[in-house]
C-alpha atoms as a PDB file:
ATOM      1  CA  UNK A   1       0.057   0.002   0.165  1.00  0.00           C
ATOM      2  CA  UNK A   2       1.163   3.435  -0.565  1.00  0.00           C
ATOM      3  CA  UNK A   3       1.865   5.477   2.272  1.00  0.00           C
ATOM      4  CA  UNK A   4      -0.193   8.812   0.482  1.00  0.00           C
ATOM      5  CA  UNK A   5      -3.193   6.128   0.360  1.00  0.00           C
ATOM      6  CA  UNK A   6      -5.423   4.769   2.888  1.00  0.00           C
ATOM      7  CA  UNK A   7      -8.024   2.254   2.501  1.00  0.00           C
ATOM      8  CA  UNK A   8      -8.933   3.580  -1.048  1.00  0.00           C
ATOM      9  CA  UNK A   9      -8.754   7.329   0.164  1.00  0.00           C
ATOM     10  CA  UNK A  10      -6.270  10.055  -0.734  1.00  0.00           C
ATOM     11  CA  UNK A  11      -4.650  11.804   2.031  1.00  0.00           C
ATOM     12  CA  UNK A  12      -2.635  15.080   1.862  1.00  0.00           C
ATOM     13  CA  UNK A  13       0.986  14.840   2.477  1.00  0.00           C
ATOM     14  CA  UNK A  14       0.938  16.820   5.715  1.00  0.00           C
ATOM     15  CA  UNK A  15      -1.479  14.296   7.418  1.00  0.00           C
ATOM     16  CA  UNK A  16       0.912  11.550   7.333  1.00  0.00           C
ATOM     17  CA  UNK A  17       3.538  13.649   8.288  1.00  0.00           C
ATOM     18  CA  UNK A  18       4.335  13.412  12.296  1.00  0.00           C
ATOM     19  CA  UNK A  19       3.946  16.525  14.736  1.00  0.00           C
ATOM     20  CA  UNK A  20       7.462  16.584  15.380  1.00  0.00           C
ATOM     21  CA  UNK A  21       8.315  16.546  11.247  1.00  0.00           C
ATOM     22  CA  UNK A  22       5.916  19.159  10.787  1.00  0.00           C
ATOM     23  CA  UNK A  23       7.788  21.405  13.906  1.00  0.00           C
ATOM     24  CA  UNK A  24      10.804  20.620  12.049  1.00  0.00           C
ATOM     25  CA  UNK A  25      10.203  22.024   8.720  1.00  0.00           C
ATOM     26  CA  UNK A  26       8.668  24.997  10.676  1.00  0.00           C
ATOM     27  CA  UNK A  27      11.636  25.855  12.607  1.00  0.00           C
ATOM     28  CA  UNK A  28      13.670  25.448   9.154  1.00  0.00           C
ATOM     29  CA  UNK A  29      11.265  28.139   7.213  1.00  0.00           C
ATOM     30  CA  UNK A  30      11.168  30.249  10.402  1.00  0.00           C
ATOM     31  CA  UNK A  31      15.093  30.082  10.459  1.00  0.00           C
ATOM     32  CA  UNK A  32      15.477  31.116   6.688  1.00  0.00           C
ATOM     33  CA  UNK A  33      14.916  34.446   7.502  1.00  0.00           C
ATOM     34  CA  UNK A  34      16.715  36.424   9.552  1.00  0.00           C
ATOM     35  CA  UNK A  35      14.317  38.844  10.942  1.00  0.00           C
ATOM     36  CA  UNK A  36      11.746  36.074  11.644  1.00  0.00           C
ATOM     37  CA  UNK A  37      14.452  34.013  13.385  1.00  0.00           C
ATOM     38  CA  UNK A  38      15.294  37.080  15.955  1.00  0.00           C
ATOM     39  CA  UNK A  39      11.696  37.349  16.595  1.00  0.00           C
ATOM     40  CA  UNK A  40      11.560  33.749  17.354  1.00  0.00           C
ATOM     41  CA  UNK A  41      14.390  33.808  19.464  1.00  0.00           C
ATOM     42  CA  UNK A  42      13.276  36.932  21.379  1.00  0.00           C
ATOM     43  CA  UNK A  43       9.656  35.687  21.702  1.00  0.00           C
ATOM     44  CA  UNK A  44      10.665  32.113  22.918  1.00  0.00           C
ATOM     45  CA  UNK A  45      13.199  33.297  25.192  1.00  0.00           C
ATOM     46  CA  UNK A  46      15.363  30.600  23.350  1.00  0.00           C
ATOM     47  CA  UNK A  47      18.826  30.656  21.918  1.00  0.00           C
ATOM     48  CA  UNK A  48      20.606  28.885  19.158  1.00  0.00           C
ATOM     49  CA  UNK A  49      22.131  26.435  21.576  1.00  0.00           C
ATOM     50  CA  UNK A  50      18.854  25.780  22.903  1.00  0.00           C
ATOM     51  CA  UNK A  51      17.263  25.166  19.842  1.00  0.00           C
ATOM     52  CA  UNK A  52      20.121  22.980  18.708  1.00  0.00           C
ATOM     53  CA  UNK A  53      19.785  20.676  21.597  1.00  0.00           C
ATOM     54  CA  UNK A  54      16.174  20.815  21.729  1.00  0.00           C
ATOM     55  CA  UNK A  55      15.279  19.492  17.844  1.00  0.00           C
ATOM     56  CA  UNK A  56      14.008  16.651  19.180  1.00  0.00           C
ATOM     57  CA  UNK A  57      12.674  17.857  22.412  1.00  0.00           C
ATOM     58  CA  UNK A  58       8.686  18.330  22.072  1.00  0.00           C
ATOM     59  CA  UNK A  59       8.633  21.050  24.312  1.00  0.00           C
ATOM     60  CA  UNK A  60      10.882  23.209  22.118  1.00  0.00           C
ATOM     61  CA  UNK A  61       9.363  21.852  18.634  1.00  0.00           C
ATOM     62  CA  UNK A  62       5.828  22.822  20.126  1.00  0.00           C
ATOM     63  CA  UNK A  63       7.434  26.561  21.143  1.00  0.00           C
ATOM     64  CA  UNK A  64       8.312  27.134  17.958  1.00  0.00           C
ATOM     65  CA  UNK A  65       4.847  25.664  16.379  1.00  0.00           C
ATOM     66  CA  UNK A  66       3.394  27.911  19.207  1.00  0.00           C
ATOM     67  CA  UNK A  67       5.299  31.292  18.065  1.00  0.00           C
ATOM     68  CA  UNK A  68       4.047  30.573  14.467  1.00  0.00           C
ATOM     69  CA  UNK A  69       0.484  30.299  15.639  1.00  0.00           C
ATOM     70  CA  UNK A  70       0.774  33.562  17.569  1.00  0.00           C
ATOM     71  CA  UNK A  71       1.365  35.542  14.450  1.00  0.00           C
ATOM     72  CA  UNK A  72      -1.105  34.136  11.786  1.00  0.00           C
ATOM     73  CA  UNK A  73       0.315  35.392   8.834  1.00  0.00           C
ATOM     74  CA  UNK A  74       3.704  33.531   9.336  1.00  0.00           C
ATOM     75  CA  UNK A  75       1.556  30.259  10.364  1.00  0.00           C
ATOM     76  CA  UNK A  76      -0.176  30.507   6.888  1.00  0.00           C
ATOM     77  CA  UNK A  77       3.054  31.505   4.888  1.00  0.00           C
ATOM     78  CA  UNK A  78       4.871  28.599   6.432  1.00  0.00           C
ATOM     79  CA  UNK A  79       1.786  26.133   5.971  1.00  0.00           C
ATOM     80  CA  UNK A  80       1.869  26.938   2.161  1.00  0.00           C
ATOM     81  CA  UNK A  81       5.663  26.813   1.991  1.00  0.00           C
ATOM     82  CA  UNK A  82       5.700  23.163   3.834  1.00  0.00           C
ATOM     83  CA  UNK A  83       2.812  21.857   1.771  1.00  0.00           C
ATOM     84  CA  UNK A  84       0.700  21.723   4.738  1.00  0.00           C
ATOM     85  CA  UNK A  85      -2.086  23.756   6.217  1.00  0.00           C
ATOM     86  CA  UNK A  86      -2.378  25.929   9.231  1.00  0.00           C
ATOM     87  CA  UNK A  87      -4.875  23.279  10.719  1.00  0.00           C
ATOM     88  CA  UNK A  88      -2.210  20.953  10.509  1.00  0.00           C
ATOM     89  CA  UNK A  89       0.606  23.091  12.260  1.00  0.00           C
ATOM     90  CA  UNK A  90      -2.054  24.035  15.159  1.00  0.00           C
ATOM     91  CA  UNK A  91      -2.879  20.356  15.570  1.00  0.00           C
ATOM     92  CA  UNK A  92       0.953  19.328  15.459  1.00  0.00           C
ATOM     93  CA  UNK A  93       1.884  22.335  18.174  1.00  0.00           C
ATOM     94  CA  UNK A  94      -1.491  20.865  20.631  1.00  0.00           C
ATOM     95  CA  UNK A  95      -0.007  17.374  20.039  1.00  0.00           C
ATOM     96  CA  UNK A  96       3.533  18.335  20.670  1.00  0.00           C
ATOM     97  CA  UNK A  97       2.713  20.404  24.024  1.00  0.00           C
ATOM     98  CA  UNK A  98       0.021  18.352  25.632  1.00  0.00           C
END
């Protein structure tokens, strides 16, 4: 069975992605823009070292998604850029920080 098909129903790529994968993609998108990256660090209290050390920490990944969720234009732009939806990113955030 192909991974993008479940019992004859096709699903979007983002549906099949783990919350941590979506968060890592969102982190990469965020860090690609210097101003956005600076805002992430300033608003979350994280620093580069904490981000590097926390790439497998659900709390850190959830904080990245929470940062995007707090600024809808970035949330939507990120979702479009990583071939996902804002709703998927919010669901991933909730899953990671639960």
